[in-house]
Amino acid sequence: MKNKLWIPIIALLLLTSVDGYGQRWKLRRYELDMYVAATSFHGDIGKANENLANMFNGVRPSFGVMPRF
């Protein structure tokens, strides 16, 4: 019987926390997005006729921060 009681309690906690965040977001609209990615360019320049020669030497990391107000 106790195991069946946990499911509604966890669902209630999850749903109320999401709703509480939505109300606070309307008052304070600050966001900060951060990302890490990889970019690559394999154009006509380079060793295109050799297999795996341009595989990883054309990949560069990309980092970014994007604030929103």
PDB file of N, CA and C in Angstrom:
ATOM      1  N   MET A   1       0.820  -1.203   0.000  1.00  0.00           N
ATOM      2  CA  MET A   1       0.000   0.000   0.000  1.00  0.00           C
ATOM      3  C   MET A   1       0.865   1.268   0.000  1.00  0.00           C
ATOM      4  N   LYS A   2       1.998   1.211   0.696  1.00  0.00           N
ATOM      5  CA  LYS A   2       2.849   2.396   0.767  1.00  0.00           C
ATOM      6  C   LYS A   2       3.499   2.706  -0.578  1.00  0.00           C
ATOM      7  N   ASN A   3       3.773   1.692  -1.374  1.00  0.00           N
ATOM      8  CA  ASN A   3       4.381   1.925  -2.684  1.00  0.00           C
ATOM      9  C   ASN A   3       3.437   2.659  -3.625  1.00  0.00           C
ATOM     10  N   LYS A   4       2.153   2.417  -3.525  1.00  0.00           N
ATOM     11  CA  LYS A   4       1.188   3.105  -4.392  1.00  0.00           C
ATOM     12  C   LYS A   4       1.012   4.563  -4.000  1.00  0.00           C
ATOM     13  N   LEU A   5       1.372   4.910  -2.792  1.00  0.00           N
ATOM     14  CA  LEU A   5       1.232   6.288  -2.329  1.00  0.00           C
ATOM     15  C   LEU A   5       2.350   7.181  -2.879  1.00  0.00           C
ATOM     16  N   TRP A   6       3.495   6.615  -3.191  1.00  0.00           N
ATOM     17  CA  TRP A   6       4.622   7.400  -3.673  1.00  0.00           C
ATOM     18  C   TRP A   6       4.393   7.985  -5.061  1.00  0.00           C
ATOM     19  N   ILE A   7       3.689   7.300  -5.916  1.00  0.00           N
ATOM     20  CA  ILE A   7       3.481   7.780  -7.290  1.00  0.00           C
ATOM     21  C   ILE A   7       2.716   9.104  -7.320  1.00  0.00           C
ATOM     22  N   PRO A   8       1.578   9.256  -6.626  1.00  0.00           N
ATOM     23  CA  PRO A   8       0.909  10.566  -6.637  1.00  0.00           C
ATOM     24  C   PRO A   8       1.714  11.662  -5.948  1.00  0.00           C
ATOM     25  N   ILE A   9       2.470  11.303  -4.922  1.00  0.00           N
ATOM     26  CA  ILE A   9       3.266  12.317  -4.227  1.00  0.00           C
ATOM     27  C   ILE A   9       4.374  12.842  -5.140  1.00  0.00           C
ATOM     28  N   ILE A  10       5.065  11.960  -5.827  1.00  0.00           N
ATOM     29  CA  ILE A  10       6.128  12.396  -6.738  1.00  0.00           C
ATOM     30  C   ILE A  10       5.550  13.190  -7.904  1.00  0.00           C
ATOM     31  N   ALA A  11       4.425  12.758  -8.449  1.00  0.00           N
ATOM     32  CA  ALA A  11       3.784  13.495  -9.546  1.00  0.00           C
ATOM     33  C   ALA A  11       3.357  14.887  -9.091  1.00  0.00           C
ATOM     34  N   LEU A  12       2.830  14.993  -7.892  1.00  0.00           N
ATOM     35  CA  LEU A  12       2.406  16.292  -7.360  1.00  0.00           C
ATOM     36  C   LEU A  12       3.604  17.221  -7.174  1.00  0.00           C
ATOM     37  N   LEU A  13       4.704  16.697  -6.654  1.00  0.00           N
ATOM     38  CA  LEU A  13       5.893  17.525  -6.469  1.00  0.00           C
ATOM     39  C   LEU A  13       6.475  17.994  -7.800  1.00  0.00           C
ATOM     40  N   LEU A  14       6.499  17.134  -8.782  1.00  0.00           N
ATOM     41  CA  LEU A  14       7.026  17.531 -10.089  1.00  0.00           C
ATOM     42  C   LEU A  14       6.155  18.578 -10.769  1.00  0.00           C
ATOM     43  N   LEU A  15       4.860  18.403 -10.720  1.00  0.00           N
ATOM     44  CA  LEU A  15       3.962  19.342 -11.395  1.00  0.00           C
ATOM     45  C   LEU A  15       3.921  20.697 -10.706  1.00  0.00           C
ATOM     46  N   THR A  16       3.978  20.742  -9.393  1.00  0.00           N
ATOM     47  CA  THR A  16       3.941  22.030  -8.705  1.00  0.00           C
ATOM     48  C   THR A  16       5.252  22.776  -8.850  1.00  0.00           C
ATOM     49  N   SER A  17       6.373  22.077  -8.939  1.00  0.00           N
ATOM     50  CA  SER A  17       7.644  22.775  -9.097  1.00  0.00           C
ATOM     51  C   SER A  17       7.742  23.422 -10.479  1.00  0.00           C
ATOM     52  N   VAL A  18       7.231  22.778 -11.509  1.00  0.00           N
ATOM     53  CA  VAL A  18       7.245  23.355 -12.852  1.00  0.00           C
ATOM     54  C   VAL A  18       6.333  24.574 -12.910  1.00  0.00           C
ATOM     55  N   ASP A  19       5.189  24.503 -12.276  1.00  0.00           N
ATOM     56  CA  ASP A  19       4.265  25.631 -12.269  1.00  0.00           C
ATOM     57  C   ASP A  19       4.838  26.802 -11.477  1.00  0.00           C
ATOM     58  N   GLY A  20       5.517  26.530 -10.391  1.00  0.00           N
ATOM     59  CA  GLY A  20       6.129  27.592  -9.599  1.00  0.00           C
ATOM     60  C   GLY A  20       7.214  28.317 -10.368  1.00  0.00           C
ATOM     61  N   TYR A  21       7.981  27.607 -11.153  1.00  0.00           N
ATOM     62  CA  TYR A  21       9.020  28.224 -11.963  1.00  0.00           C
ATOM     63  C   TYR A  21       8.403  29.095 -13.050  1.00  0.00           C
ATOM     64  N   GLY A  22       7.283  28.683 -13.620  1.00  0.00           N
ATOM     65  CA  GLY A  22       6.626  29.458 -14.667  1.00  0.00           C
ATOM     66  C   GLY A  22       6.116  30.796 -14.160  1.00  0.00           C
ATOM     67  N   GLN A  23       5.632  30.835 -12.947  1.00  0.00           N
ATOM     68  CA  GLN A  23       5.159  32.093 -12.378  1.00  0.00           C
ATOM     69  C   GLN A  23       6.325  33.036 -12.101  1.00  0.00           C
ATOM     70  N   ARG A  24       7.426  32.505 -11.627  1.00  0.00           N
ATOM     71  CA  ARG A  24       8.587  33.329 -11.335  1.00  0.00           C
ATOM     72  C   ARG A  24       9.219  33.850 -12.624  1.00  0.00           C
ATOM     73  N   TRP A  25       9.159  33.078 -13.695  1.00  0.00           N
ATOM     74  CA  TRP A  25       9.762  33.488 -14.948  1.00  0.00           C
ATOM     75  C   TRP A  25       9.053  34.709 -15.529  1.00  0.00           C
ATOM     76  N   LYS A  26       7.756  34.861 -15.271  1.00  0.00           N
ATOM     77  CA  LYS A  26       7.034  36.030 -15.780  1.00  0.00           C
ATOM     78  C   LYS A  26       7.538  37.312 -15.129  1.00  0.00           C
ATOM     79  N   LEU A  27       7.997  37.236 -13.894  1.00  0.00           N
ATOM     80  CA  LEU A  27       8.469  38.431 -13.206  1.00  0.00           C
ATOM     81  C   LEU A  27       9.918  38.767 -13.562  1.00  0.00           C
ATOM     82  N   ARG A  28      10.768  37.766 -13.628  1.00  0.00           N
ATOM     83  CA  ARG A  28      12.186  37.956 -13.921  1.00  0.00           C
ATOM     84  C   ARG A  28      12.521  37.224 -15.201  1.00  0.00           C
ATOM     85  N   ARG A  29      12.711  37.924 -16.272  1.00  0.00           N
ATOM     86  CA  ARG A  29      12.974  37.283 -17.562  1.00  0.00           C
ATOM     87  C   ARG A  29      14.456  37.372 -17.922  1.00  0.00           C
ATOM     88  N   TYR A  30      15.285  36.794 -17.090  1.00  0.00           N
ATOM     89  CA  TYR A  30      16.712  36.706 -17.376  1.00  0.00           C
ATOM     90  C   TYR A  30      17.019  35.269 -17.757  1.00  0.00           C
ATOM     91  N   GLU A  31      17.778  35.094 -18.793  1.00  0.00           N
ATOM     92  CA  GLU A  31      18.213  33.762 -19.192  1.00  0.00           C
ATOM     93  C   GLU A  31      19.676  33.829 -19.595  1.00  0.00           C
ATOM     94  N   LEU A  32      20.363  32.744 -19.386  1.00  0.00           N
ATOM     95  CA  LEU A  32      21.752  32.639 -19.789  1.00  0.00           C
ATOM     96  C   LEU A  32      21.946  31.275 -20.423  1.00  0.00           C
ATOM     97  N   ASP A  33      22.228  31.268 -21.708  1.00  0.00           N
ATOM     98  CA  ASP A  33      22.458  30.024 -22.434  1.00  0.00           C
ATOM     99  C   ASP A  33      23.955  29.873 -22.674  1.00  0.00           C
ATOM    100  N   MET A  34      24.462  28.689 -22.384  1.00  0.00           N
ATOM    101  CA  MET A  34      25.870  28.384 -22.616  1.00  0.00           C
ATOM    102  C   MET A  34      25.939  27.134 -23.479  1.00  0.00           C
ATOM    103  N   TYR A  35      26.864  27.118 -24.416  1.00  0.00           N
ATOM    104  CA  TYR A  35      26.955  25.954 -25.286  1.00  0.00           C
ATOM    105  C   TYR A  35      28.408  25.634 -25.622  1.00  0.00           C
ATOM    106  N   VAL A  36      28.624  24.371 -25.908  1.00  0.00           N
ATOM    107  CA  VAL A  36      29.900  23.850 -26.392  1.00  0.00           C
ATOM    108  C   VAL A  36      29.568  23.005 -27.613  1.00  0.00           C
ATOM    109  N   ALA A  37      30.244  23.265 -28.707  1.00  0.00           N
ATOM    110  CA  ALA A  37      29.939  22.544 -29.946  1.00  0.00           C
ATOM    111  C   ALA A  37      31.225  22.334 -30.741  1.00  0.00           C
ATOM    112  N   ALA A  38      31.091  21.648 -31.839  1.00  0.00           N
ATOM    113  CA  ALA A  38      32.214  21.437 -32.753  1.00  0.00           C
ATOM    114  C   ALA A  38      31.790  21.890 -34.141  1.00  0.00           C
ATOM    115  N   THR A  39      32.673  22.609 -34.798  1.00  0.00           N
ATOM    116  CA  THR A  39      32.406  23.056 -36.160  1.00  0.00           C
ATOM    117  C   THR A  39      33.456  22.461 -37.086  1.00  0.00           C
ATOM    118  N   SER A  40      33.054  22.228 -38.305  1.00  0.00           N
ATOM    119  CA  SER A  40      34.010  21.676 -39.269  1.00  0.00           C
ATOM    120  C   SER A  40      33.724  22.251 -40.649  1.00  0.00           C
ATOM    121  N   PHE A  41      34.789  22.381 -41.428  1.00  0.00           N
ATOM    122  CA  PHE A  41      34.662  22.846 -42.801  1.00  0.00           C
ATOM    123  C   PHE A  41      35.573  21.998 -43.670  1.00  0.00           C
ATOM    124  N   HIS A  42      35.005  21.316 -44.597  1.00  0.00           N
ATOM    125  CA  HIS A  42      35.768  20.500 -45.531  1.00  0.00           C
ATOM    126  C   HIS A  42      35.396  20.954 -46.942  1.00  0.00           C
ATOM    127  N   GLY A  43      36.091  21.953 -47.393  1.00  0.00           N
ATOM    128  CA  GLY A  43      35.802  22.495 -48.714  1.00  0.00           C
ATOM    129  C   GLY A  43      36.666  21.850 -49.781  1.00  0.00           C
ATOM    130  N   ASP A  44      36.919  22.592 -50.844  1.00  0.00           N
ATOM    131  CA  ASP A  44      37.707  22.078 -51.962  1.00  0.00           C
ATOM    132  C   ASP A  44      39.206  22.115 -51.682  1.00  0.00           C
ATOM    133  N   ILE A  45      39.595  22.812 -50.620  1.00  0.00           N
ATOM    134  CA  ILE A  45      41.014  22.924 -50.300  1.00  0.00           C
ATOM    135  C   ILE A  45      41.402  21.760 -49.392  1.00  0.00           C
ATOM    136  N   GLY A  46      42.530  21.165 -49.612  1.00  0.00           N
ATOM    137  CA  GLY A  46      43.006  20.113 -48.725  1.00  0.00           C
ATOM    138  C   GLY A  46      43.225  18.812 -49.455  1.00  0.00           C
ATOM    139  N   LYS A  47      43.370  17.768 -48.678  1.00  0.00           N
ATOM    140  CA  LYS A  47      43.646  16.441 -49.228  1.00  0.00           C
ATOM    141  C   LYS A  47      42.351  15.667 -49.380  1.00  0.00           C
ATOM    142  N   ALA A  48      41.523  16.100 -50.272  1.00  0.00           N
ATOM    143  CA  ALA A  48      40.218  15.468 -50.440  1.00  0.00           C
ATOM    144  C   ALA A  48      40.317  14.101 -51.098  1.00  0.00           C
ATOM    145  N   ASN A  49      41.402  13.835 -51.789  1.00  0.00           N
ATOM    146  CA  ASN A  49      41.516  12.546 -52.464  1.00  0.00           C
ATOM    147  C   ASN A  49      42.044  11.441 -51.544  1.00  0.00           C
ATOM    148  N   GLU A  50      42.548  11.780 -50.345  1.00  0.00           N
ATOM    149  CA  GLU A  50      43.040  10.783 -49.397  1.00  0.00           C
ATOM    150  C   GLU A  50      41.964  10.485 -48.356  1.00  0.00           C
ATOM    151  N   ASN A  51      41.777   9.215 -48.063  1.00  0.00           N
ATOM    152  CA  ASN A  51      40.773   8.828 -47.072  1.00  0.00           C
ATOM    153  C   ASN A  51      41.233   9.210 -45.663  1.00  0.00           C
ATOM    154  N   LEU A  52      40.325   9.732 -44.877  1.00  0.00           N
ATOM    155  CA  LEU A  52      40.522  10.109 -43.472  1.00  0.00           C
ATOM    156  C   LEU A  52      41.571  11.188 -43.250  1.00  0.00           C
ATOM    157  N   ALA A  53      42.069  11.830 -44.291  1.00  0.00           N
ATOM    158  CA  ALA A  53      43.062  12.884 -44.107  1.00  0.00           C
ATOM    159  C   ALA A  53      42.415  14.162 -43.580  1.00  0.00           C
ATOM    160  N   ASN A  54      41.196  14.428 -43.997  1.00  0.00           N
ATOM    161  CA  ASN A  54      40.497  15.631 -43.550  1.00  0.00           C
ATOM    162  C   ASN A  54      39.457  15.335 -42.481  1.00  0.00           C
ATOM    163  N   MET A  55      39.583  14.233 -41.802  1.00  0.00           N
ATOM    164  CA  MET A  55      38.541  13.843 -40.864  1.00  0.00           C
ATOM    165  C   MET A  55      38.506  14.746 -39.627  1.00  0.00           C
ATOM    166  N   PHE A  56      39.598  14.804 -38.878  1.00  0.00           N
ATOM    167  CA  PHE A  56      39.597  15.547 -37.623  1.00  0.00           C
ATOM    168  C   PHE A  56      40.436  16.810 -37.651  1.00  0.00           C
ATOM    169  N   ASN A  57      41.242  17.017 -38.654  1.00  0.00           N
ATOM    170  CA  ASN A  57      42.052  18.230 -38.668  1.00  0.00           C
ATOM    171  C   ASN A  57      41.240  19.460 -39.064  1.00  0.00           C
ATOM    172  N   GLY A  58      40.046  19.294 -39.591  1.00  0.00           N
ATOM    173  CA  GLY A  58      39.194  20.424 -39.924  1.00  0.00           C
ATOM    174  C   GLY A  58      38.171  20.751 -38.855  1.00  0.00           C
ATOM    175  N   VAL A  59      38.196  20.037 -37.732  1.00  0.00           N
ATOM    176  CA  VAL A  59      37.213  20.248 -36.664  1.00  0.00           C
ATOM    177  C   VAL A  59      37.797  21.195 -35.629  1.00  0.00           C
ATOM    178  N   ARG A  60      37.032  22.205 -35.250  1.00  0.00           N
ATOM    179  CA  ARG A  60      37.450  23.180 -34.244  1.00  0.00           C
ATOM    180  C   ARG A  60      36.359  23.297 -33.181  1.00  0.00           C
ATOM    181  N   PRO A  61      36.752  23.544 -31.935  1.00  0.00           N
ATOM    182  CA  PRO A  61      35.737  23.710 -30.884  1.00  0.00           C
ATOM    183  C   PRO A  61      35.066  25.078 -30.984  1.00  0.00           C
ATOM    184  N   SER A  62      33.863  25.133 -30.497  1.00  0.00           N
ATOM    185  CA  SER A  62      33.098  26.375 -30.484  1.00  0.00           C
ATOM    186  C   SER A  62      32.438  26.509 -29.119  1.00  0.00           C
ATOM    187  N   PHE A  63      32.682  27.628 -28.444  1.00  0.00           N
ATOM    188  CA  PHE A  63      32.104  27.897 -27.136  1.00  0.00           C
ATOM    189  C   PHE A  63      31.292  29.175 -27.229  1.00  0.00           C
ATOM    190  N   GLY A  64      30.233  29.258 -26.471  1.00  0.00           N
ATOM    191  CA  GLY A  64      29.441  30.471 -26.519  1.00  0.00           C
ATOM    192  C   GLY A  64      28.597  30.688 -25.285  1.00  0.00           C
ATOM    193  N   VAL A  65      28.317  31.949 -25.021  1.00  0.00           N
ATOM    194  CA  VAL A  65      27.434  32.367 -23.935  1.00  0.00           C
ATOM    195  C   VAL A  65      26.475  33.379 -24.528  1.00  0.00           C
ATOM    196  N   MET A  66      25.192  33.206 -24.262  1.00  0.00           N
ATOM    197  CA  MET A  66      24.191  34.091 -24.838  1.00  0.00           C
ATOM    198  C   MET A  66      23.218  34.552 -23.742  1.00  0.00           C
ATOM    199  N   PRO A  67      23.389  35.778 -23.226  1.00  0.00           N
ATOM    200  CA  PRO A  67      22.432  36.278 -22.228  1.00  0.00           C
ATOM    201  C   PRO A  67      21.184  36.840 -22.905  1.00  0.00           C
ATOM    202  N   ARG A  68      20.066  36.706 -22.232  1.00  0.00           N
ATOM    203  CA  ARG A  68      18.796  37.271 -22.716  1.00  0.00           C
ATOM    204  C   ARG A  68      18.148  38.055 -21.584  1.00  0.00           C
ATOM    205  N   PHE A  69      17.617  39.212 -21.938  1.00  0.00           N
ATOM    206  CA  PHE A  69      16.952  40.053 -20.942  1.00  0.00           C
ATOM    207  C   PHE A  69      15.520  40.257 -21.308  1.00  0.00           C
TER     208      PHE A  69
END
